[in-house]
Amino acid sequence: MKNVLVIEDDKSIADLLEIHLIDLNCTVTKVLDGEKGLKEALSENYDFIVLDLMLPKVDGLEICKEVRKKKTYTPILMLTSKSEEIDKVLGLEVGADDYLTKPFGIREFIARVKAIFRRTDALNKEKDNEVDIITGPLKIEISKRRVILNGERVDLTPKEFDLLHLLASHPGRTYTREELLSILWGYQYNGYEHTVNSHINRLRSKIESDLSNPKYILTSWGIGYRFNENEEN
C-alpha cells in the first residue's frame, strides 16, 4: 500500500483524486494550501506526492524544491492549469517526476500514477541488488544515493544522481537526450531536450575539475552523452 499526499487547493479535484488513488490501494492525505502542504510533505515520508503548481501561500515549485532537499526520495506528479512551456520546464528542473496539465482525464492521471509506481518500484529493486560504482576518485554509493569525490561528499539533486547513476552503470554507452528523458522522467517530453542539457551541465559543474575537458561525462556529438569507459577504476 502506498502512502500518498495530495496538495491541491481545489477540493473537488482533491476529492476526485483521492477516490481513484484509494482504488489503486493507496492511503491518501489531502491538504488544501501550500503552507500546510509543505509542512506535511516535510514531516512525513510519503511514497508519492500529487502537487498542484498554483497554491495559496506557498506555490508548488517551492514545495518541490524543499521536498527534494530531503534525504529520502519521493516521486512527485505536478498538476497545473497553465500550459506555457516555461511552467513545464520549471517543474522538471526543480525535480518533478511527471507533469499533467489541467483539465486532464482521470484515465490519464491513473496511467501516469501507475507508471511512476512501476518505475519507482523497479529502481528500488535494482538499488537493493547493486554494488557501489568506483571510478578513480569518484564513488557512487547506490543504496545511500550518495556520491563521494576525492573523499568529499558531492551534493546532487535526485535527478542529477539518477542521471549519473544511469550513465556510470553503462560506461561507453551513448544515450540520446530523448532516451534520457524517457528513462529518468518516465514520460516522453518531446521538445524538452534542453532539460537534459541543463542537468548534464549542472552535474558536470559538480564532478568535473575541468569543464572544457570533462573526464567522466562525455558528449557524443550529434547524439547525446556517455560515461567515460576508459576512466581508471
Protein backbone atom coordinates (compact mmCIF):
# COMPACT_ATOMS: atom_id res chain seq x y z
CA MET A 1 0.00 0.00 0.00
CA LYS A 2 1.34 3.44 -0.99
CA ASN A 3 1.11 6.42 1.33
CA VAL A 4 0.16 9.40 -0.85
CA LEU A 5 -0.03 13.13 -0.17
CA VAL A 6 -2.30 15.28 -2.36
CA ILE A 7 -1.64 19.04 -2.19
CA GLU A 8 -4.42 20.66 -4.21
CA ASP A 9 -6.43 23.78 -3.34
CA ASP A 10 -9.45 22.77 -5.43
CA LYS A 11 -11.33 20.49 -3.02
CA SER A 12 -13.44 18.87 -5.74
CA ILE A 13 -10.29 17.84 -7.64
CA ALA A 14 -8.59 16.67 -4.45
CA ASP A 15 -11.62 14.56 -3.53
CA LEU A 16 -11.76 13.01 -7.01
CA LEU A 17 -8.06 12.14 -6.96
CA GLU A 18 -8.45 10.63 -3.50
CA ILE A 19 -11.20 8.28 -4.71
CA HIS A 20 -9.08 6.94 -7.57
CA LEU A 21 -5.89 6.71 -5.53
CA ILE A 22 -7.73 4.63 -2.96
CA ASP A 23 -8.79 2.36 -5.82
CA LEU A 24 -5.04 1.94 -6.52
CA ASN A 25 -4.58 0.66 -2.96
CA CYS A 26 -3.24 3.95 -1.59
CA THR A 27 -3.85 5.74 1.68
CA VAL A 28 -4.38 9.43 1.00
CA THR A 29 -3.73 12.61 2.96
CA LYS A 30 -5.23 15.79 1.44
CA VAL A 31 -4.03 19.34 2.08
CA LEU A 32 -5.68 22.39 0.50
CA ASP A 33 -3.00 25.09 0.77
CA GLY A 34 0.71 25.33 0.10
CA GLU A 35 1.90 26.31 3.56
CA LYS A 36 0.23 23.34 5.26
CA GLY A 37 1.18 21.13 2.33
CA LEU A 38 4.87 21.97 2.70
CA LYS A 39 4.80 21.21 6.43
CA GLU A 40 3.06 17.90 5.79
CA ALA A 41 5.43 16.92 2.98
CA LEU A 42 8.46 17.57 5.17
CA SER A 43 7.08 15.96 8.31
CA GLU A 44 6.27 12.54 6.83
CA ASN A 45 7.97 10.16 4.39
CA TYR A 46 5.33 9.75 1.69
CA ASP A 47 5.61 7.25 -1.16
CA PHE A 48 4.17 9.70 -3.67
CA ILE A 49 3.05 13.34 -3.83
CA VAL A 50 0.47 14.88 -6.15
CA LEU A 51 1.31 18.57 -6.18
CA ASP A 52 -0.62 21.48 -7.68
CA LEU A 53 1.60 24.23 -9.09
CA MET A 54 -0.59 27.22 -8.23
CA LEU A 55 -1.32 27.12 -4.49
CA PRO A 56 -2.17 29.78 -1.89
CA LYS A 57 0.63 30.89 0.50
CA VAL A 58 3.39 28.64 -0.91
CA ASP A 59 3.44 27.56 -4.55
CA GLY A 60 4.16 24.09 -5.89
CA LEU A 61 7.62 24.93 -7.22
CA GLU A 62 8.80 25.99 -3.77
CA ILE A 63 7.32 22.87 -2.19
CA CYS A 64 9.02 20.69 -4.80
CA LYS A 65 12.40 22.36 -4.14
CA GLU A 66 12.09 21.79 -0.41
CA VAL A 67 10.98 18.16 -0.77
CA ARG A 68 13.99 17.50 -2.99
CA LYS A 69 16.30 18.56 -0.15
CA LYS A 70 15.16 15.58 1.93
CA LYS A 71 17.41 12.52 2.11
CA THR A 72 14.58 10.19 1.11
CA TYR A 73 13.37 10.41 -2.47
CA THR A 74 9.64 10.94 -3.05
CA PRO A 75 8.24 10.89 -6.61
CA ILE A 76 6.15 13.95 -7.48
CA LEU A 77 3.42 14.40 -10.08
CA MET A 78 2.88 18.11 -10.65
CA LEU A 79 -0.52 19.50 -11.70
CA THR A 80 -1.27 22.89 -13.16
CA SER A 81 -3.94 24.78 -15.05
CA LYS A 82 -1.23 26.52 -17.05
CA SER A 83 0.07 25.20 -20.35
CA GLU A 84 3.01 27.51 -21.02
CA GLU A 85 6.30 25.76 -21.77
CA ILE A 86 8.17 27.70 -19.08
CA ASP A 87 5.99 26.19 -16.35
CA LYS A 88 6.68 22.67 -17.56
CA VAL A 89 10.40 23.34 -17.75
CA LEU A 90 10.46 24.82 -14.24
CA GLY A 91 8.58 21.85 -12.87
CA LEU A 92 11.05 19.43 -14.41
CA GLU A 93 14.06 21.49 -13.38
CA VAL A 94 13.16 21.53 -9.69
CA GLY A 95 12.65 17.77 -9.67
CA ALA A 96 9.07 16.82 -10.58
CA ASP A 97 8.87 13.28 -11.96
CA ASP A 98 5.96 13.98 -14.27
CA TYR A 99 3.71 16.84 -15.29
CA LEU A 100 -0.03 16.92 -16.01
CA THR A 101 -1.88 19.97 -17.31
CA LYS A 102 -5.48 20.69 -16.27
CA PRO A 103 -8.02 19.79 -17.44
CA PHE A 104 -6.95 16.15 -17.64
CA GLY A 105 -8.81 12.88 -17.93
CA ILE A 106 -8.84 10.61 -14.92
CA ARG A 107 -7.62 7.70 -17.04
CA GLU A 108 -4.54 9.69 -17.98
CA PHE A 109 -3.94 10.55 -14.33
CA ILE A 110 -4.19 6.88 -13.32
CA ALA A 111 -1.83 5.87 -16.14
CA ARG A 112 0.75 8.43 -15.02
CA VAL A 113 0.50 7.32 -11.39
CA LYS A 114 0.88 3.65 -12.30
CA ALA A 115 3.90 4.45 -14.48
CA ILE A 116 5.59 6.32 -11.63
CA PHE A 117 4.86 3.48 -9.20
CA ARG A 118 6.31 0.90 -11.63
CA ARG A 119 9.44 2.96 -12.21
CA THR A 120 9.97 3.67 -8.52
CA ASP A 121 9.49 0.02 -7.55
CA ALA A 122 11.91 -1.09 -10.28
CA LEU A 123 14.55 1.43 -9.21
CA ASN A 124 14.22 0.38 -5.57
CA LYS A 125 14.60 -3.28 -6.53
CA GLU A 126 17.68 -2.53 -8.63
CA LYS A 127 19.16 -0.39 -5.85
CA ASP A 128 18.91 -3.27 -3.36
CA ASN A 129 20.85 -5.56 -5.71
CA GLU A 130 23.53 -3.19 -6.98
CA VAL A 131 27.03 -2.65 -5.67
CA ASP A 132 28.74 0.73 -5.42
CA ILE A 133 30.41 2.15 -8.52
CA ILE A 134 34.00 3.29 -8.05
CA THR A 135 35.74 5.14 -10.87
CA GLY A 136 39.06 6.64 -9.85
CA PRO A 137 38.37 9.18 -7.08
CA LEU A 138 34.62 9.11 -7.84
CA LYS A 139 32.46 6.75 -5.78
CA ILE A 140 28.73 6.30 -6.31
CA GLU A 141 27.08 4.65 -3.29
CA ILE A 142 23.89 3.20 -4.73
CA SER A 143 21.98 2.21 -1.58
CA LYS A 144 22.72 5.53 0.14
CA ARG A 145 22.19 7.58 -3.04
CA ARG A 146 25.42 9.35 -2.20
CA VAL A 147 28.37 10.47 -4.32
CA ILE A 148 31.89 10.90 -2.97
CA LEU A 149 34.62 12.67 -4.96
CA ASN A 150 38.19 12.89 -3.63
CA GLY A 151 36.89 11.90 -0.20
CA GLU A 152 34.26 14.68 -0.09
CA ARG A 153 30.52 14.28 -0.47
CA VAL A 154 29.02 15.87 -3.59
CA ASP A 155 25.61 17.47 -3.13
CA LEU A 156 23.43 16.24 -6.02
CA THR A 157 19.73 16.61 -6.65
CA PRO A 158 17.79 13.33 -7.06
CA LYS A 159 17.64 13.72 -10.83
CA GLU A 160 21.36 14.53 -11.03
CA PHE A 161 22.10 11.38 -9.03
CA ASP A 162 19.84 9.26 -11.24
CA LEU A 163 21.48 10.69 -14.34
CA LEU A 164 25.00 9.96 -13.07
CA HIS A 165 23.97 6.51 -11.84
CA LEU A 166 22.45 5.56 -15.19
CA LEU A 167 25.43 6.73 -17.25
CA ALA A 168 28.06 5.27 -14.90
CA SER A 169 26.23 1.92 -14.81
CA HIS A 170 26.72 1.61 -18.58
CA PRO A 171 30.15 3.13 -19.35
CA GLY A 172 30.72 3.75 -23.02
CA ARG A 173 27.06 3.53 -23.98
CA THR A 174 25.69 6.68 -25.57
CA TYR A 175 22.20 7.76 -24.52
CA THR A 176 20.28 10.20 -26.67
CA ARG A 177 18.58 13.12 -24.95
CA GLU A 178 15.23 11.58 -25.84
CA GLU A 179 16.22 8.29 -24.17
CA LEU A 180 17.35 10.07 -21.02
CA LEU A 181 14.08 12.00 -20.87
CA SER A 182 12.06 8.80 -21.25
CA ILE A 183 14.08 6.77 -18.73
CA LEU A 184 14.63 9.35 -15.99
CA TRP A 185 11.46 11.42 -16.23
CA GLY A 186 9.25 8.48 -17.14
CA TYR A 187 7.40 10.30 -19.89
CA GLN A 188 8.26 11.35 -23.42
CA TYR A 189 8.66 15.12 -23.15
CA ASN A 190 9.14 15.88 -26.83
CA GLY A 191 10.86 19.21 -27.26
CA TYR A 192 12.34 19.34 -23.76
CA GLU A 193 15.82 18.03 -24.60
CA HIS A 194 17.27 21.24 -23.13
CA THR A 195 16.18 19.93 -19.71
CA VAL A 196 18.67 17.09 -20.14
CA ASN A 197 21.36 19.52 -21.28
CA SER A 198 20.90 21.72 -18.22
CA HIS A 199 21.08 18.71 -15.88
CA ILE A 200 24.25 17.48 -17.60
CA ASN A 201 25.81 20.94 -17.27
CA ARG A 202 24.98 21.17 -13.56
CA LEU A 203 26.20 17.64 -12.92
CA ARG A 204 29.47 18.35 -14.71
CA SER A 205 29.96 21.53 -12.68
CA LYS A 206 29.86 19.40 -9.52
CA ILE A 207 32.07 16.46 -10.50
CA GLU A 208 34.38 17.69 -13.27
CA SER A 209 37.58 19.59 -12.41
CA ASP A 210 37.88 20.96 -15.97
CA LEU A 211 34.58 21.72 -17.70
CA SER A 212 36.32 22.32 -21.02
CA ASN A 213 37.79 18.81 -20.87
CA PRO A 214 35.40 16.59 -18.86
CA LYS A 215 36.78 13.32 -17.50
CA TYR A 216 33.60 11.47 -16.55
CA ILE A 217 30.60 12.59 -18.60
CA LEU A 218 31.44 12.87 -22.27
CA THR A 219 29.45 14.25 -25.19
CA SER A 220 28.79 12.04 -28.20
CA TRP A 221 28.47 14.87 -30.68
CA GLY A 222 25.17 14.97 -32.53
CA ILE A 223 23.82 12.07 -30.47
CA GLY A 224 23.85 12.51 -26.69
CA TYR A 225 26.00 11.66 -23.67
CA ARG A 226 28.05 8.76 -22.31
CA PHE A 227 30.17 7.90 -19.29
CA ASN A 228 33.90 7.54 -19.98
CA GLU A 229 34.61 3.82 -20.28
CA ASN A 230 38.36 4.48 -20.24
CA GLU A 231 38.44 6.20 -16.84
CA GLU A 232 40.56 4.12 -14.45
CA ASN A 233 38.78 2.25 -11.64
